[in-house]
């Protein structure tokens, strides 16, 4: 009986909130009709986009209520209302989500009265189920109807608010367009960085090396000792140019990824970091520990490697922590990378800490990056990269 009461109370709370939303919908429909009437005039045309945005917020509130009750999220699929008044008006009218929300709102005008049916169920249920369950030890028959009312409200709302496959496809295309633009921007920035490193570093050293060798050839017969010194300097220049060239190559694709795999490369990063870094590997091939497992595609490994490298660099510079933890896990859907430090927290993505670059790398592979960094720590950066094993 106690469990039945708890479920009925939870369903009652859900239906009470739904009743409040229904009351607000009744008021909002009046505003909607005024906006629709005003749209017939040139002056009132500006009201429609704002009204549609309000409808989206109301529908979004209902989606969150249903998600909280059922545990299943109802996705949103809207075209952004932005630009000039004409563009906003066109988007608001042509967006399939507008018609879907309007259909739900007018339907909710009717089935939003379901909470009213709950009112007589409580007194009847307390009497009937009190006797039925308390004396006869049977299952309740009246109070569970309150939960069924909440289920019915959620079922109808899900059917009406769930976006069509066409709308989801349009949103997906928009997301891919944005991630493609971000990937192109990141690729262009990477090319400019490589060009700058080659021009300012390696090329300058090679020019200096060529000049020193030329001076040594000219001075060889007249001043052998001076020529030898110039050749020694040229050898130092060649070694420095080679080291810088290797640094550029590692920035493109670290050779250690090819030789030791992601787990080995991350362990090497941890060893060279200024922090005490713990590396945990789950389900991935690990040459250092002779652990068998899967290995991600090269592009996924490279993205994961740079995420770990950037995260450890940020932790060493800004967190104030002496320890960090890196976790690599093989999932059915892809690869998960998590970097955690126990520093001061408060990381800001707009502060130039490389988080935007990491997010773009993940988005280019259709992955996601999540960061939590409350004041006082800890800071956790988690990246999921989809791939086929």
Protein backbone atom coordinates (compact mmCIF):
# COMPACT_ATOMS: atom_id res chain seq x y z
CA UNK A 1 0.00 0.00 0.00
CA UNK A 2 2.87 2.38 0.79
CA UNK A 3 4.42 1.80 -2.61
CA UNK A 4 1.06 2.46 -4.26
CA UNK A 5 0.69 5.70 -2.32
CA UNK A 6 4.18 6.82 -3.31
CA UNK A 7 3.52 6.11 -6.98
CA UNK A 8 0.16 7.85 -6.83
CA UNK A 9 1.72 10.87 -5.10
CA UNK A 10 4.44 11.09 -7.74
CA UNK A 11 1.86 10.82 -10.52
CA UNK A 12 -0.23 13.48 -8.77
CA UNK A 13 2.72 15.87 -8.71
CA UNK A 14 3.26 15.23 -12.42
CA UNK A 15 -0.39 15.86 -13.22
CA UNK A 16 -0.51 19.01 -11.07
CA UNK A 17 2.41 20.47 -13.02
CA UNK A 18 0.70 19.41 -16.24
CA UNK A 19 -2.47 21.16 -15.08
CA UNK A 20 -0.49 24.34 -14.49
CA UNK A 21 0.99 24.09 -17.98
CA UNK A 22 -2.50 23.49 -19.38
CA UNK A 23 -3.76 26.67 -17.70
CA UNK A 24 -0.84 28.59 -19.15
CA UNK A 25 -1.59 27.08 -22.56
CA UNK A 26 -5.17 28.36 -22.41
CA UNK A 27 -3.85 31.87 -21.84
CA UNK A 28 -1.15 31.49 -24.48
CA UNK A 29 -3.60 30.36 -27.17
CA UNK A 30 -5.29 33.74 -26.82
CA UNK A 31 -1.92 35.42 -27.43
CA UNK A 32 -1.37 33.09 -30.38
CA UNK A 33 -4.68 34.05 -31.95
CA UNK A 34 -3.89 37.75 -31.50
CA UNK A 35 -0.50 37.24 -33.15
CA UNK A 36 -2.06 35.30 -36.03
CA UNK A 37 -4.61 38.07 -36.58
CA UNK A 38 -1.97 40.79 -36.34
CA UNK A 39 0.21 38.95 -38.85
CA UNK A 40 -2.32 39.82 -41.53
CA UNK A 41 -1.07 43.39 -41.27
CA UNK A 42 2.45 44.52 -42.13
CA UNK A 43 3.03 45.89 -38.62
CA UNK A 44 1.96 42.66 -36.93
CA UNK A 45 4.24 40.48 -39.07
CA UNK A 46 7.06 41.01 -36.57
CA UNK A 47 5.01 39.37 -33.80
CA UNK A 48 4.92 35.93 -35.42
CA UNK A 49 8.62 34.95 -35.03
CA UNK A 50 8.59 35.99 -31.36
CA UNK A 51 5.33 34.11 -30.80
CA UNK A 52 6.78 30.98 -32.40
CA UNK A 53 9.79 31.23 -30.10
CA UNK A 54 7.45 31.37 -27.12
CA UNK A 55 5.58 28.32 -28.42
CA UNK A 56 8.91 26.49 -28.64
CA UNK A 57 9.65 27.32 -25.02
CA UNK A 58 6.25 26.03 -23.90
CA UNK A 59 6.68 22.84 -25.93
CA UNK A 60 10.21 22.47 -24.54
CA UNK A 61 8.84 22.68 -21.00
CA UNK A 62 6.40 19.88 -21.80
CA UNK A 63 9.19 17.79 -23.31
CA UNK A 64 11.22 18.14 -20.13
CA UNK A 65 8.21 17.15 -18.02
CA UNK A 66 7.64 14.02 -20.11
CA UNK A 67 11.34 13.15 -20.02
CA UNK A 68 11.36 13.45 -16.23
CA UNK A 69 8.35 11.14 -15.98
CA UNK A 70 9.28 8.51 -18.57
CA UNK A 71 13.07 8.75 -18.53
CA UNK A 72 13.08 8.95 -22.34
CA UNK A 73 14.16 12.19 -23.92
CA UNK A 74 12.08 13.76 -26.68
CA UNK A 75 14.51 15.42 -29.11
CA UNK A 76 13.99 18.90 -30.48
CA UNK A 77 14.33 19.68 -34.17
CA UNK A 78 13.93 23.35 -34.97
CA UNK A 79 15.36 25.63 -37.60
CA UNK A 80 17.02 28.66 -35.99
CA UNK A 81 14.94 31.83 -36.25
CA UNK A 82 17.47 34.54 -36.99
CA UNK A 83 18.43 37.12 -39.57
CA UNK A 84 16.26 39.87 -40.95
CA UNK A 85 12.55 40.18 -40.23
CA UNK A 86 11.72 38.63 -43.59
CA UNK A 87 14.06 35.69 -43.02
CA UNK A 88 12.76 35.14 -39.48
CA UNK A 89 9.17 35.26 -40.70
CA UNK A 90 9.88 32.77 -43.49
CA UNK A 91 11.64 30.37 -41.12
CA UNK A 92 8.88 30.59 -38.52
CA UNK A 93 6.22 29.81 -41.13
CA UNK A 94 8.06 27.07 -43.05
CA UNK A 95 9.67 25.22 -40.14
CA UNK A 96 7.90 21.84 -39.74
CA UNK A 97 8.42 22.16 -36.01
CA UNK A 98 6.08 25.16 -35.92
CA UNK A 99 3.16 23.15 -37.27
CA UNK A 100 3.96 20.27 -34.94
CA UNK A 101 4.01 22.51 -31.87
CA UNK A 102 0.78 24.22 -32.89
CA UNK A 103 -0.86 20.83 -33.37
CA UNK A 104 0.29 19.74 -29.92
CA UNK A 105 -0.87 22.98 -28.30
CA UNK A 106 -4.40 22.77 -29.68
CA UNK A 107 -4.60 19.05 -28.83
CA UNK A 108 -3.34 19.84 -25.33
CA UNK A 109 -6.23 22.25 -25.03
CA UNK A 110 -8.37 19.09 -24.79
CA UNK A 111 -6.34 16.29 -23.20
CA UNK A 112 -4.73 18.75 -20.82
CA UNK A 113 -7.87 18.25 -18.72
CA UNK A 114 -6.73 14.75 -17.73
CA UNK A 115 -5.57 16.04 -14.30
CA UNK A 116 -9.20 16.85 -13.50
CA UNK A 117 -10.01 13.14 -13.62
CA UNK A 118 -7.49 12.62 -10.84
CA UNK A 119 -9.51 14.60 -8.27
CA UNK A 120 -12.23 11.99 -7.53
CA UNK A 121 -9.73 9.12 -7.65
CA UNK A 122 -7.98 10.10 -4.41
CA UNK A 123 -10.94 9.95 -2.00
CA UNK A 124 -12.35 6.85 -3.70
CA UNK A 125 -8.94 5.22 -3.86
CA UNK A 126 -8.12 5.86 -0.21
CA UNK A 127 -11.35 4.15 0.83
CA UNK A 128 -11.51 1.33 -1.71
CA UNK A 129 -7.81 0.52 -1.85
CA UNK A 130 -7.50 0.96 1.91
CA UNK A 131 -9.98 -1.84 2.40
CA UNK A 132 -8.94 -3.85 -0.63
CA UNK A 133 -5.22 -3.78 0.22
CA UNK A 134 -5.27 -3.35 3.99
CA UNK A 135 -7.90 -5.97 4.88
CA UNK A 136 -8.00 -8.32 1.90
CA UNK A 137 -4.28 -8.08 1.04
CA UNK A 138 -5.02 -7.52 -2.65
CA UNK A 139 -3.36 -5.20 -5.13
CA UNK A 140 -4.71 -1.66 -5.37
CA UNK A 141 -7.15 -0.98 -8.19
CA UNK A 142 -8.08 2.71 -7.96
CA UNK A 143 -4.96 4.67 -7.02
CA UNK A 144 -2.87 3.11 -9.85
CA UNK A 145 -5.28 4.80 -12.24
CA UNK A 146 -3.61 8.11 -11.32
CA UNK A 147 -0.30 6.81 -12.65
CA UNK A 148 -2.07 5.62 -15.78
CA UNK A 149 -3.43 9.11 -16.32
CA UNK A 150 0.12 10.49 -16.10
CA UNK A 151 1.30 7.75 -18.49
CA UNK A 152 -1.48 8.62 -20.93
CA UNK A 153 -0.59 12.32 -20.80
CA UNK A 154 3.08 11.48 -21.45
CA UNK A 155 2.21 9.05 -24.27
CA UNK A 156 0.04 11.54 -26.16
CA UNK A 157 2.55 14.35 -25.63
CA UNK A 158 5.39 12.17 -26.93
CA UNK A 159 3.41 11.23 -30.04
CA UNK A 160 2.59 14.87 -30.78
CA UNK A 161 5.94 16.49 -29.89
CA UNK A 162 8.28 13.87 -31.32
CA UNK A 163 9.91 15.38 -34.45
CA UNK A 164 9.53 13.69 -37.80
CA UNK A 165 12.48 11.86 -39.40
CA UNK A 166 12.66 14.62 -42.00
CA UNK A 167 13.01 17.28 -39.30
CA UNK A 168 15.67 15.26 -37.48
CA UNK A 169 17.54 14.84 -40.76
CA UNK A 170 17.44 18.60 -41.37
CA UNK A 171 18.86 19.28 -37.90
CA UNK A 172 21.53 16.63 -38.46
CA UNK A 173 22.52 18.23 -41.76
CA UNK A 174 22.80 21.59 -40.00
CA UNK A 175 24.99 20.07 -37.28
CA UNK A 176 27.25 18.44 -39.87
CA UNK A 177 27.50 21.73 -41.74
CA UNK A 178 28.64 23.49 -38.58
CA UNK A 179 31.12 20.75 -37.62
CA UNK A 180 32.46 20.73 -41.18
CA UNK A 181 33.02 24.49 -40.98
CA UNK A 182 34.76 24.03 -37.63
CA UNK A 183 36.92 21.22 -39.03
CA UNK A 184 37.91 23.37 -42.02
CA UNK A 185 38.79 26.26 -39.69
CA UNK A 186 40.84 23.96 -37.46
CA UNK A 187 42.55 22.45 -40.51
CA UNK A 188 43.38 25.90 -41.85
CA UNK A 189 44.79 27.00 -38.49
CA UNK A 190 46.88 23.82 -38.32
CA UNK A 191 48.27 24.41 -41.82
CA UNK A 192 49.16 28.00 -40.92
CA UNK A 193 50.90 26.78 -37.76
CA UNK A 194 52.92 24.20 -39.70
CA UNK A 195 53.81 26.80 -42.33
CA UNK A 196 54.90 29.26 -39.63
CA UNK A 197 56.99 26.64 -37.83
CA UNK A 198 58.69 25.60 -41.07
CA UNK A 199 59.28 29.18 -42.23
CA UNK A 200 60.41 30.72 -38.94
CA UNK A 201 62.21 27.70 -37.54
CA UNK A 202 63.44 24.95 -39.84
CA UNK A 203 63.82 27.09 -42.97
CA UNK A 204 65.74 29.80 -41.12
CA UNK A 205 68.13 27.24 -39.64
CA UNK A 206 68.67 25.57 -43.03
CA UNK A 207 69.50 28.96 -44.59
CA UNK A 208 71.99 29.63 -41.79
CA UNK A 209 73.41 26.12 -42.24
CA UNK A 210 73.90 26.71 -45.98
CA UNK A 211 75.66 30.01 -45.34
CA UNK A 212 78.02 28.49 -42.77
CA UNK A 213 78.93 25.63 -45.10
CA UNK A 214 79.60 28.13 -47.88
CA UNK A 215 81.84 30.22 -45.59
CA UNK A 216 83.67 27.08 -44.48
CA UNK A 217 84.37 26.07 -48.10
CA UNK A 218 85.77 29.51 -48.86
CA UNK A 219 87.95 29.59 -45.73
CA UNK A 220 89.13 25.97 -45.97
CA UNK A 221 92.41 26.62 -47.82
CA UNK A 222 93.38 29.88 -46.05
CA UNK A 223 92.10 29.17 -42.52
CA UNK A 224 91.55 25.45 -41.86
CA UNK A 225 90.91 26.01 -38.14
CA UNK A 226 88.32 28.68 -38.84
CA UNK A 227 86.71 26.43 -41.43
CA UNK A 228 86.58 23.58 -38.91
CA UNK A 229 84.86 25.83 -36.39
CA UNK A 230 82.34 26.88 -39.02
CA UNK A 231 81.67 23.23 -39.85
CA UNK A 232 81.16 22.44 -36.17
CA UNK A 233 78.63 25.27 -35.98
CA UNK A 234 77.00 23.97 -39.16
CA UNK A 235 76.67 20.52 -37.59
CA UNK A 236 74.98 22.06 -34.54
CA UNK A 237 72.64 23.97 -36.85
CA UNK A 238 71.80 20.77 -38.73
CA UNK A 239 70.96 18.96 -35.50
CA UNK A 240 68.76 21.82 -34.33
CA UNK A 241 67.00 21.97 -37.71
CA UNK A 242 66.43 18.21 -37.56
CA UNK A 243 65.01 18.49 -34.03
CA UNK A 244 62.63 21.27 -35.12
CA UNK A 245 61.59 19.27 -38.18
CA UNK A 246 60.82 16.29 -35.95
CA UNK A 247 58.76 18.58 -33.73
CA UNK A 248 56.74 19.71 -36.75
CA UNK A 249 56.22 16.11 -37.84
CA UNK A 250 55.05 15.15 -34.35
CA UNK A 251 52.56 18.02 -34.54
CA UNK A 252 51.10 16.53 -37.74
CA UNK A 253 50.93 12.91 -36.59
CA UNK A 254 53.11 11.72 -33.70
CA UNK A 255 55.19 8.72 -34.85
CA UNK A 256 54.85 7.23 -31.38
CA UNK A 257 51.17 6.59 -32.15
CA UNK A 258 52.18 4.33 -35.02
CA UNK A 259 54.89 2.59 -33.02
CA UNK A 260 53.24 2.11 -29.61
CA UNK A 261 49.55 2.82 -30.16
CA UNK A 262 47.37 5.25 -28.24
CA UNK A 263 47.97 3.68 -24.83
CA UNK A 264 51.74 3.75 -25.20
CA UNK A 265 51.71 7.28 -26.59
CA UNK A 266 49.58 8.52 -23.68
CA UNK A 267 51.91 6.82 -21.19
CA UNK A 268 54.81 8.65 -22.82
CA UNK A 269 52.90 11.93 -22.46
CA UNK A 270 52.26 11.15 -18.82
CA UNK A 271 55.92 10.40 -18.20
CA UNK A 272 57.04 13.68 -19.77
CA UNK A 273 54.37 15.74 -18.02
CA UNK A 274 55.21 17.86 -15.01
CA UNK A 275 52.37 16.15 -13.11
CA UNK A 276 52.05 12.80 -11.43
CA UNK A 277 49.74 11.22 -14.02
CA UNK A 278 47.93 7.90 -13.61
CA UNK A 279 46.92 6.19 -16.86
CA UNK A 280 44.12 3.59 -16.90
CA UNK A 281 43.46 1.58 -20.05
CA UNK A 282 40.32 -0.50 -20.52
CA UNK A 283 39.84 -2.71 -23.56
CA UNK A 284 42.54 -1.09 -25.72
CA UNK A 285 45.74 -2.60 -27.01
CA UNK A 286 48.60 -1.66 -24.68
CA UNK A 287 52.10 -2.62 -25.79
CA UNK A 288 53.66 -1.40 -22.52
CA UNK A 289 51.70 -3.87 -20.37
CA UNK A 290 51.29 -6.51 -23.13
CA UNK A 291 47.52 -6.12 -22.80
CA UNK A 292 45.56 -7.36 -25.78
CA UNK A 293 42.64 -5.35 -27.05
CA UNK A 294 41.22 -3.29 -29.88
CA UNK A 295 42.92 -0.42 -31.62
CA UNK A 296 41.09 2.65 -32.90
CA UNK A 297 41.57 4.08 -36.41
CA UNK A 298 44.51 6.42 -36.92
CA UNK A 299 42.40 9.60 -37.07
CA UNK A 300 40.62 8.73 -33.82
CA UNK A 301 43.92 7.92 -32.09
CA UNK A 302 45.41 11.22 -33.25
CA UNK A 303 42.43 13.23 -31.98
CA UNK A 304 42.47 11.42 -28.63
CA UNK A 305 46.24 11.93 -28.31
CA UNK A 306 46.01 15.69 -28.89
CA UNK A 307 43.09 15.98 -26.44
CA UNK A 308 45.17 14.29 -23.73
CA UNK A 309 48.25 16.36 -24.56
CA UNK A 310 46.34 19.65 -24.46
CA UNK A 311 44.46 18.69 -21.29
CA UNK A 312 47.65 17.75 -19.43
CA UNK A 313 49.34 20.95 -20.60
CA UNK A 314 46.40 23.01 -19.32
CA UNK A 315 46.40 21.12 -16.03
CA UNK A 316 50.13 21.72 -15.53
CA UNK A 317 49.83 25.44 -16.35
CA UNK A 318 46.56 26.47 -14.76
CA UNK A 319 45.15 23.92 -12.32
CA UNK A 320 47.71 24.16 -9.52
CA UNK A 321 47.36 20.42 -9.00
CA UNK A 322 50.24 17.98 -8.76
CA UNK A 323 48.25 14.95 -9.92
CA UNK A 324 46.10 14.04 -12.89
CA UNK A 325 44.33 10.95 -14.12
CA UNK A 326 43.82 9.77 -17.70
CA UNK A 327 41.33 7.03 -18.60
CA UNK A 328 41.09 5.36 -22.01
CA UNK A 329 38.12 3.07 -22.51
CA UNK A 330 36.90 1.03 -25.44
CA UNK A 331 33.12 1.31 -25.84
CA UNK A 332 30.78 -0.50 -28.21
CA UNK A 333 30.17 2.81 -29.99
CA UNK A 334 33.72 4.14 -29.97
CA UNK A 335 36.50 5.47 -27.74
CA UNK A 336 36.14 7.42 -24.51
CA UNK A 337 38.94 9.61 -23.19
CA UNK A 338 38.74 11.21 -19.76
CA UNK A 339 41.30 13.56 -18.17
CA UNK A 340 40.82 14.64 -14.55
CA UNK A 341 42.83 16.89 -12.28
CA UNK A 342 42.20 17.92 -8.68
CA UNK A 343 43.14 21.55 -9.23
CA UNK A 344 41.36 24.82 -8.52
CA UNK A 345 38.80 24.37 -11.33
CA UNK A 346 36.98 27.25 -12.97
CA UNK A 347 38.26 26.46 -16.48
CA UNK A 348 36.81 28.78 -19.12
CA UNK A 349 36.45 27.66 -22.73
CA UNK A 350 36.70 31.25 -23.95
CA UNK A 351 39.93 31.88 -22.09
CA UNK A 352 42.25 30.64 -24.84
CA UNK A 353 43.10 27.37 -23.07
CA UNK A 354 42.80 25.22 -26.19
CA UNK A 355 39.38 23.84 -25.28
CA UNK A 356 37.84 25.20 -28.47
CA UNK A 357 40.48 23.41 -30.53
CA UNK A 358 39.81 20.15 -28.69
CA UNK A 359 36.08 20.54 -29.23
CA UNK A 360 36.64 21.12 -32.94
CA UNK A 361 38.84 18.04 -33.22
CA UNK A 362 36.16 15.93 -31.58
CA UNK A 363 33.36 17.46 -33.67
CA UNK A 364 35.27 16.82 -36.88
CA UNK A 365 35.00 13.08 -36.10
CA UNK A 366 31.35 13.42 -35.02
CA UNK A 367 32.44 13.14 -31.40
CA UNK A 368 31.49 15.08 -28.30
CA UNK A 369 33.47 16.89 -25.61
CA UNK A 370 32.10 17.52 -22.14
CA UNK A 371 33.88 19.60 -19.52
CA UNK A 372 32.96 20.07 -15.88
CA UNK A 373 35.10 22.47 -13.89
CA UNK A 374 33.37 23.95 -10.84
CA UNK A 375 35.23 26.48 -8.74
CA UNK A 376 37.47 24.55 -6.38
CA UNK A 377 37.74 21.60 -8.77
CA UNK A 378 37.99 18.99 -9.96
CA UNK A 379 38.23 19.62 -13.69
CA UNK A 380 37.11 16.71 -15.85
CA UNK A 381 37.34 16.69 -19.65
CA UNK A 382 35.61 13.75 -21.28
CA UNK A 383 35.64 13.06 -25.00
CA UNK A 384 33.73 10.34 -26.85
CA UNK A 385 34.83 9.56 -30.40
CA UNK A 386 32.68 7.17 -32.43
CA UNK A 387 34.49 4.49 -34.44
CA UNK A 388 34.17 0.93 -35.69
CA UNK A 389 36.50 -1.57 -34.03
